[in-house]
Every structure is written in C-alpha cells, then in structure tokens.
C-alpha cells in the first residue's frame, strides 16, 4: 500500500512540475524557411524565468544573409526595448542552435536575428523568428 501511495505522490509531483512550463513551437521565417524552434519557459527558484531555446534544421548564418556570422537572440518584453540575451550556440554539422537564458519578465517575444556581430547592441539584421511567450 505504501509503495502505491509513494508512486501516486511521485506521479503527482512530476505532472505538476511539467505543467508549470510553457512550451512554444514555432517555425522560422525567410530566409531561414524550414527551420523549427522549440521554446520552453518556466519560473525558476529565484523568481526569474528560465528560457530554453532550440532551433533545428537551421542553415549557417552566412548562407542565409550576406555578411551574417551568427544568430543573435533577443527578448522583447511588452512596450520595452529588445534585450540581447546571447547568440545561439550553433552546430553546423547538426544544423542546430541552442541557448538557455533567464528573464525577469513572464511575458516577452523571442526574436532571433542574423547579425554580423554577436555583440550587436540592437536588432539590425534580418529576423528569422518572432515568437510570443507568456509563462502562466
């Protein structure tokens, strides 16, 4: 009987933890047609929001726009300026890019642009993804 209660309690905890994450699947736009983005956002222990971004089937930046060398990720909270949170860790062999960041905001738009420099101060390159995220 005790093992059934333990199993039930464990299943309840796991289902609650999974239910807390917001998942957004989005397709990229031209010039990166055919790529898929998977975004997972959840409230962390510190009160900030943990955001995991993964893009698959992604051609190298230089093939998508002349002079582009990297994919820069921005979080854009409502009615605020875009905040550069980093560049995708891109694997050309696997055609996959990923990044994990935190945000103080529960609602924002994930924007990915093609940039010549990973340290760009504001989005200036072609946008390949714009996906709204709201953590509930």
N, C-alpha and C. Protein backbone atom coordinates (compact mmCIF):
# COMPACT_ATOMS: atom_id res chain seq x y z
N UNK A 1 0.82 -1.19 0.00
CA UNK A 1 0.00 0.00 0.00
C UNK A 1 0.88 1.27 0.00
N UNK A 2 1.95 1.22 0.82
CA UNK A 2 2.82 2.38 0.91
C UNK A 2 3.48 2.69 -0.44
N UNK A 3 3.89 1.65 -1.17
CA UNK A 3 4.54 1.87 -2.47
C UNK A 3 3.56 2.48 -3.48
N UNK A 4 2.29 2.12 -3.39
CA UNK A 4 1.27 2.72 -4.28
C UNK A 4 1.09 4.20 -3.97
N UNK A 5 1.09 4.55 -2.70
CA UNK A 5 0.95 5.95 -2.30
C UNK A 5 2.17 6.74 -2.73
N UNK A 6 3.37 6.17 -2.55
CA UNK A 6 4.60 6.83 -2.96
C UNK A 6 4.61 7.04 -4.48
N UNK A 7 4.22 6.02 -5.23
CA UNK A 7 4.17 6.14 -6.69
C UNK A 7 3.17 7.20 -7.12
N UNK A 8 2.01 7.23 -6.49
CA UNK A 8 0.99 8.23 -6.81
C UNK A 8 1.48 9.64 -6.49
N UNK A 9 2.13 9.81 -5.34
CA UNK A 9 2.66 11.11 -4.95
C UNK A 9 3.75 11.57 -5.92
N UNK A 10 4.64 10.65 -6.31
CA UNK A 10 5.69 10.98 -7.26
C UNK A 10 5.11 11.39 -8.60
N UNK A 11 4.12 10.66 -9.09
CA UNK A 11 3.47 10.99 -10.36
C UNK A 11 2.80 12.36 -10.28
N UNK A 12 2.17 12.66 -9.15
CA UNK A 12 1.54 13.96 -8.97
C UNK A 12 2.56 15.09 -9.00
N UNK A 13 3.69 14.91 -8.33
CA UNK A 13 4.75 15.92 -8.34
C UNK A 13 5.30 16.14 -9.74
N UNK A 14 5.55 15.06 -10.46
CA UNK A 14 6.09 15.17 -11.82
C UNK A 14 5.10 15.86 -12.75
N UNK A 15 3.83 15.54 -12.65
CA UNK A 15 2.84 16.17 -13.53
C UNK A 15 2.69 17.65 -13.20
N UNK A 16 2.83 18.00 -11.94
CA UNK A 16 2.77 19.41 -11.55
C UNK A 16 3.97 20.17 -12.09
N UNK A 17 5.15 19.58 -11.99
CA UNK A 17 6.36 20.25 -12.48
C UNK A 17 6.31 20.47 -13.98
N UNK A 18 5.83 19.47 -14.71
CA UNK A 18 5.75 19.60 -16.16
C UNK A 18 4.71 20.63 -16.54
N UNK A 19 3.60 20.70 -15.79
CA UNK A 19 2.53 21.63 -16.10
C UNK A 19 2.93 23.08 -15.91
N UNK A 20 3.98 23.35 -15.17
CA UNK A 20 4.40 24.71 -14.89
C UNK A 20 5.17 25.34 -16.05
N UNK A 21 5.65 24.54 -16.96
CA UNK A 21 6.45 25.07 -18.07
C UNK A 21 5.53 25.46 -19.23
N UNK A 22 5.86 26.57 -19.87
CA UNK A 22 5.18 26.99 -21.08
C UNK A 22 6.03 26.55 -22.25
N UNK A 23 5.41 25.87 -23.21
CA UNK A 23 6.13 25.39 -24.38
C UNK A 23 5.56 26.05 -25.63
N UNK A 24 6.46 26.57 -26.46
CA UNK A 24 6.06 27.21 -27.70
C UNK A 24 6.87 26.60 -28.84
N UNK A 25 6.16 26.09 -29.84
CA UNK A 25 6.80 25.60 -31.05
C UNK A 25 6.48 26.58 -32.16
N UNK A 26 7.50 27.00 -32.90
CA UNK A 26 7.31 27.99 -33.96
C UNK A 26 8.20 27.65 -35.14
N UNK A 27 7.79 28.11 -36.30
CA UNK A 27 8.61 27.94 -37.50
C UNK A 27 9.31 29.25 -37.79
N UNK A 28 10.51 29.13 -38.31
CA UNK A 28 11.25 30.33 -38.67
C UNK A 28 10.71 30.88 -39.99
N UNK A 29 11.06 32.12 -40.26
CA UNK A 29 10.60 32.76 -41.50
C UNK A 29 11.80 32.97 -42.43
N UNK A 30 11.50 33.42 -43.65
CA UNK A 30 12.54 33.65 -44.65
C UNK A 30 13.57 34.63 -44.10
N UNK A 31 14.80 34.39 -44.34
CA UNK A 31 15.39 33.43 -45.26
C UNK A 31 15.68 32.05 -44.66
N UNK A 32 15.21 31.77 -43.47
CA UNK A 32 15.50 30.50 -42.80
C UNK A 32 14.30 29.57 -42.84
N UNK A 33 13.61 29.52 -43.97
CA UNK A 33 12.44 28.66 -44.08
C UNK A 33 12.82 27.21 -43.85
N UNK A 34 11.92 26.47 -43.22
CA UNK A 34 12.16 25.06 -42.97
C UNK A 34 12.79 24.74 -41.63
N UNK A 35 13.09 25.74 -40.84
CA UNK A 35 13.66 25.51 -39.51
C UNK A 35 12.55 25.56 -38.47
N UNK A 36 12.73 24.83 -37.40
CA UNK A 36 11.75 24.78 -36.34
C UNK A 36 12.37 25.20 -35.02
N UNK A 37 11.62 25.98 -34.26
CA UNK A 37 12.09 26.43 -32.94
C UNK A 37 11.22 25.81 -31.86
N UNK A 38 11.86 25.41 -30.78
CA UNK A 38 11.18 24.87 -29.61
C UNK A 38 11.63 25.71 -28.42
N UNK A 39 10.69 26.38 -27.77
CA UNK A 39 10.99 27.27 -26.65
C UNK A 39 10.27 26.75 -25.42
N UNK A 40 11.00 26.63 -24.32
CA UNK A 40 10.41 26.21 -23.04
C UNK A 40 10.76 27.29 -22.03
N UNK A 41 9.74 27.80 -21.33
CA UNK A 41 9.97 28.83 -20.32
C UNK A 41 9.23 28.42 -19.04
N UNK A 42 9.90 28.62 -17.91
CA UNK A 42 9.28 28.30 -16.63
C UNK A 42 9.85 29.20 -15.55
N UNK A 43 9.09 29.36 -14.48
CA UNK A 43 9.55 30.17 -13.36
C UNK A 43 10.59 29.38 -12.58
N UNK A 44 11.74 30.01 -12.34
CA UNK A 44 12.82 29.36 -11.60
C UNK A 44 12.70 29.58 -10.11
N UNK A 45 13.60 28.97 -9.38
CA UNK A 45 13.60 29.07 -7.92
C UNK A 45 13.87 30.48 -7.42
N UNK A 46 14.57 31.29 -8.23
CA UNK A 46 14.93 32.64 -7.81
C UNK A 46 13.83 33.66 -8.12
N UNK A 47 12.77 33.22 -8.82
CA UNK A 47 11.71 34.14 -9.20
C UNK A 47 11.84 34.64 -10.63
N UNK A 48 13.02 34.45 -11.23
CA UNK A 48 13.21 34.78 -12.64
C UNK A 48 12.67 33.64 -13.49
N UNK A 49 12.60 33.86 -14.78
CA UNK A 49 12.07 32.86 -15.69
C UNK A 49 13.21 32.25 -16.50
N UNK A 50 13.27 30.93 -16.50
CA UNK A 50 14.29 30.20 -17.24
C UNK A 50 13.75 29.91 -18.63
N UNK A 51 14.53 30.28 -19.64
CA UNK A 51 14.08 30.14 -21.03
C UNK A 51 15.10 29.29 -21.79
N UNK A 52 14.61 28.24 -22.41
CA UNK A 52 15.44 27.35 -23.22
C UNK A 52 14.95 27.44 -24.67
N UNK A 53 15.88 27.72 -25.58
CA UNK A 53 15.54 27.90 -26.99
C UNK A 53 16.37 26.91 -27.80
N UNK A 54 15.71 26.17 -28.68
CA UNK A 54 16.41 25.25 -29.57
C UNK A 54 15.82 25.40 -30.97
N UNK A 55 16.69 25.57 -31.95
CA UNK A 55 16.27 25.68 -33.35
C UNK A 55 16.93 24.56 -34.13
N UNK A 56 16.13 23.81 -34.87
CA UNK A 56 16.66 22.69 -35.65
C UNK A 56 16.50 22.95 -37.14
N UNK A 57 17.25 22.20 -37.94
CA UNK A 57 17.24 22.31 -39.40
C UNK A 57 17.60 23.72 -39.85
N UNK A 58 18.60 24.30 -39.22
CA UNK A 58 18.97 25.70 -39.43
C UNK A 58 20.26 25.79 -40.26
N UNK A 59 20.16 26.40 -41.42
CA UNK A 59 21.33 26.59 -42.28
C UNK A 59 22.29 27.59 -41.62
N UNK A 60 23.57 27.55 -41.96
CA UNK A 60 24.54 28.51 -41.39
C UNK A 60 24.14 29.95 -41.69
N UNK A 61 24.45 30.85 -40.78
CA UNK A 61 24.07 32.26 -40.91
C UNK A 61 24.57 32.87 -42.22
N UNK A 62 25.81 32.57 -42.58
CA UNK A 62 26.41 33.13 -43.79
C UNK A 62 25.71 32.71 -45.07
N UNK A 63 25.01 31.59 -45.04
CA UNK A 63 24.26 31.15 -46.22
C UNK A 63 22.89 31.82 -46.30
N UNK A 64 22.43 32.36 -45.19
CA UNK A 64 21.11 32.98 -45.15
C UNK A 64 21.14 34.47 -45.43
N UNK A 65 22.22 35.13 -45.10
CA UNK A 65 22.35 36.57 -45.34
C UNK A 65 23.82 36.92 -45.52
N UNK A 66 24.10 37.71 -46.53
CA UNK A 66 25.48 38.11 -46.80
C UNK A 66 26.05 38.88 -45.61
N UNK A 67 27.23 38.46 -45.16
CA UNK A 67 27.91 39.12 -44.05
C UNK A 67 27.49 38.63 -42.68
N UNK A 68 26.41 37.85 -42.58
CA UNK A 68 25.95 37.34 -41.29
C UNK A 68 26.90 36.25 -40.80
N UNK A 69 27.20 36.28 -39.51
CA UNK A 69 28.08 35.27 -38.92
C UNK A 69 27.44 34.54 -37.75
N UNK A 70 26.32 35.06 -37.23
CA UNK A 70 25.75 34.48 -36.02
C UNK A 70 24.25 34.75 -35.93
N UNK A 71 23.60 33.97 -35.08
CA UNK A 71 22.18 34.12 -34.79
C UNK A 71 22.08 34.74 -33.39
N UNK A 72 21.61 35.97 -33.31
CA UNK A 72 21.51 36.65 -32.01
C UNK A 72 20.07 36.55 -31.51
N UNK A 73 19.95 36.23 -30.22
CA UNK A 73 18.64 36.07 -29.59
C UNK A 73 18.35 37.28 -28.72
N UNK A 74 17.14 37.79 -28.87
CA UNK A 74 16.67 38.96 -28.13
C UNK A 74 15.38 38.59 -27.42
N UNK A 75 15.18 39.12 -26.22
CA UNK A 75 13.89 39.02 -25.55
C UNK A 75 13.31 40.42 -25.55
N UNK A 76 12.05 40.51 -25.98
CA UNK A 76 11.40 41.81 -26.10
C UNK A 76 10.16 41.82 -25.20
N UNK A 77 10.28 42.37 -23.97
CA UNK A 77 9.11 42.49 -23.10
C UNK A 77 8.14 43.52 -23.67
N UNK A 78 6.88 43.41 -23.33
CA UNK A 78 5.86 44.33 -23.84
C UNK A 78 6.25 45.78 -23.57
N UNK A 79 6.18 46.58 -24.60
CA UNK A 79 6.43 48.02 -24.54
C UNK A 79 7.81 48.39 -24.00
N UNK A 80 8.78 47.50 -24.20
CA UNK A 80 10.16 47.78 -23.80
C UNK A 80 11.07 47.49 -24.97
N UNK A 81 12.30 47.96 -24.88
CA UNK A 81 13.28 47.72 -25.94
C UNK A 81 13.76 46.27 -25.89
N UNK A 82 14.21 45.78 -27.04
CA UNK A 82 14.76 44.43 -27.13
C UNK A 82 16.03 44.32 -26.30
N UNK A 83 16.20 43.19 -25.61
CA UNK A 83 17.38 42.94 -24.79
C UNK A 83 18.13 41.76 -25.40
N UNK A 84 19.38 42.00 -25.77
CA UNK A 84 20.21 40.92 -26.31
C UNK A 84 20.55 39.99 -25.16
N UNK A 85 20.21 38.69 -25.33
CA UNK A 85 20.48 37.72 -24.27
C UNK A 85 21.58 36.74 -24.67
N UNK A 86 22.03 36.83 -25.92
CA UNK A 86 23.13 35.96 -26.35
C UNK A 86 22.97 35.52 -27.79
N UNK A 87 23.89 34.69 -28.20
CA UNK A 87 23.86 34.12 -29.55
C UNK A 87 23.60 32.62 -29.43
N UNK A 88 22.91 32.08 -30.42
CA UNK A 88 22.69 30.64 -30.42
C UNK A 88 24.03 29.92 -30.46
N UNK A 89 24.18 28.90 -29.66
CA UNK A 89 25.33 28.01 -29.73
C UNK A 89 25.03 27.10 -30.92
N UNK A 90 25.63 27.42 -32.07
CA UNK A 90 25.26 26.78 -33.33
C UNK A 90 26.23 25.66 -33.70
N UNK A 91 25.67 24.51 -34.07
CA UNK A 91 26.46 23.37 -34.52
C UNK A 91 26.16 23.17 -36.01
N UNK A 92 27.11 23.54 -36.85
CA UNK A 92 26.89 23.49 -38.30
C UNK A 92 26.67 22.06 -38.79
N UNK A 93 27.35 21.10 -38.19
CA UNK A 93 27.20 19.71 -38.60
C UNK A 93 25.77 19.21 -38.35
N UNK A 94 25.23 19.52 -37.18
CA UNK A 94 23.87 19.08 -36.81
C UNK A 94 22.79 20.06 -37.27
N UNK A 95 23.23 21.24 -37.76
CA UNK A 95 22.28 22.29 -38.18
C UNK A 95 21.31 22.61 -37.04
N UNK A 96 21.88 22.82 -35.86
CA UNK A 96 21.08 23.05 -34.65
C UNK A 96 21.70 24.18 -33.83
N UNK A 97 20.85 25.04 -33.29
CA UNK A 97 21.32 26.09 -32.42
C UNK A 97 20.54 26.08 -31.12
N UNK A 98 21.18 26.40 -30.01
CA UNK A 98 20.51 26.36 -28.73
C UNK A 98 21.05 27.47 -27.83
N UNK A 99 20.21 27.88 -26.88
CA UNK A 99 20.60 28.88 -25.89
C UNK A 99 19.69 28.77 -24.69
N UNK A 100 20.26 28.90 -23.50
CA UNK A 100 19.49 28.94 -22.26
C UNK A 100 19.78 30.25 -21.57
N UNK A 101 18.72 30.98 -21.21
CA UNK A 101 18.85 32.30 -20.60
C UNK A 101 17.82 32.46 -19.49
N UNK A 102 17.91 33.56 -18.77
CA UNK A 102 16.89 33.90 -17.78
C UNK A 102 16.33 35.29 -18.09
N UNK A 103 15.12 35.51 -17.61
CA UNK A 103 14.46 36.80 -17.81
C UNK A 103 13.67 37.15 -16.56
N UNK A 104 13.61 38.43 -16.20
CA UNK A 104 12.78 38.82 -15.08
C UNK A 104 11.30 38.92 -15.47
N UNK A 105 11.02 38.89 -16.78
CA UNK A 105 9.66 39.08 -17.27
C UNK A 105 8.97 37.76 -17.57
N UNK A 106 7.68 37.66 -17.25
CA UNK A 106 6.90 36.45 -17.51
C UNK A 106 6.34 36.43 -18.92
N UNK A 107 6.32 37.58 -19.56
CA UNK A 107 5.77 37.69 -20.91
C UNK A 107 6.74 38.47 -21.79
N UNK A 108 7.06 37.92 -22.95
CA UNK A 108 8.03 38.54 -23.85
C UNK A 108 7.93 37.89 -25.22
N UNK A 109 8.57 38.48 -26.18
CA UNK A 109 8.69 37.89 -27.51
C UNK A 109 10.14 37.47 -27.70
N UNK A 110 10.33 36.24 -28.17
CA UNK A 110 11.66 35.77 -28.53
C UNK A 110 11.90 36.18 -29.98
N UNK A 111 12.97 36.92 -30.21
CA UNK A 111 13.34 37.39 -31.53
C UNK A 111 14.73 36.86 -31.84
N UNK A 112 14.90 36.26 -33.02
CA UNK A 112 16.22 35.80 -33.44
C UNK A 112 16.54 36.50 -34.76
N UNK A 113 17.71 37.14 -34.79
CA UNK A 113 18.13 37.86 -35.99
C UNK A 113 19.48 37.34 -36.47
N UNK A 114 19.72 37.53 -37.76
CA UNK A 114 21.01 37.24 -38.37
C UNK A 114 21.87 38.48 -38.22
N UNK A 115 23.01 38.36 -37.58
CA UNK A 115 23.86 39.53 -37.34
C UNK A 115 25.30 39.26 -37.78
N UNK A 116 26.00 40.33 -38.09
CA UNK A 116 27.42 40.24 -38.42
C UNK A 116 28.25 40.07 -37.16
N UNK A 117 27.75 40.57 -36.03
CA UNK A 117 28.50 40.55 -34.77
C UNK A 117 27.59 40.07 -33.65
N UNK A 118 28.06 39.11 -32.85
CA UNK A 118 27.27 38.58 -31.74
C UNK A 118 27.04 39.62 -30.65
N UNK A 119 27.82 40.70 -30.64
CA UNK A 119 27.68 41.74 -29.63
C UNK A 119 26.84 42.92 -30.11
N UNK A 120 26.01 42.70 -31.13
CA UNK A 120 25.17 43.79 -31.65
C UNK A 120 24.37 44.42 -30.51
N UNK A 121 24.28 45.75 -30.52
CA UNK A 121 23.60 46.48 -29.45
C UNK A 121 22.08 46.49 -29.61
N UNK A 122 21.61 46.34 -30.84
CA UNK A 122 20.18 46.31 -31.10
C UNK A 122 19.95 45.45 -32.35
N UNK A 123 18.75 44.92 -32.49
CA UNK A 123 18.48 44.08 -33.66
C UNK A 123 18.60 44.89 -34.95
N UNK A 124 19.48 44.47 -35.83
CA UNK A 124 19.68 45.19 -37.07
C UNK A 124 19.67 44.29 -38.28
N UNK A 125 19.86 43.00 -38.05
CA UNK A 125 19.88 42.04 -39.14
C UNK A 125 18.49 41.52 -39.45
N UNK A 126 18.44 40.64 -40.43
CA UNK A 126 17.17 40.03 -40.82
C UNK A 126 16.64 39.17 -39.69
N UNK A 127 15.38 39.32 -39.38
CA UNK A 127 14.74 38.49 -38.37
C UNK A 127 14.32 37.16 -38.96
N UNK A 128 14.61 36.07 -38.25
CA UNK A 128 14.18 34.75 -38.73
C UNK A 128 13.15 34.10 -37.81
N UNK A 129 12.95 34.68 -36.62
CA UNK A 129 11.96 34.13 -35.69
C UNK A 129 11.42 35.24 -34.81
N UNK A 130 10.12 35.23 -34.61
CA UNK A 130 9.45 36.13 -33.68
C UNK A 130 8.33 35.33 -33.05
N UNK A 131 8.51 34.94 -31.78
CA UNK A 131 7.55 34.07 -31.11
C UNK A 131 7.17 34.63 -29.74
N UNK A 132 5.89 34.93 -29.54
CA UNK A 132 5.45 35.42 -28.23
C UNK A 132 5.41 34.28 -27.21
N UNK A 133 5.83 34.59 -25.97
CA UNK A 133 5.86 33.62 -24.88
C UNK A 133 5.27 34.27 -23.63
N UNK A 134 4.34 33.58 -22.99
CA UNK A 134 3.80 34.04 -21.72
C UNK A 134 3.79 32.85 -20.76
N UNK A 135 4.53 32.96 -19.68
CA UNK A 135 4.60 31.90 -18.68
C UNK A 135 3.40 32.05 -17.76
N UNK A 136 2.62 30.99 -17.66
CA UNK A 136 1.43 31.07 -16.81
C UNK A 136 1.62 30.35 -15.50
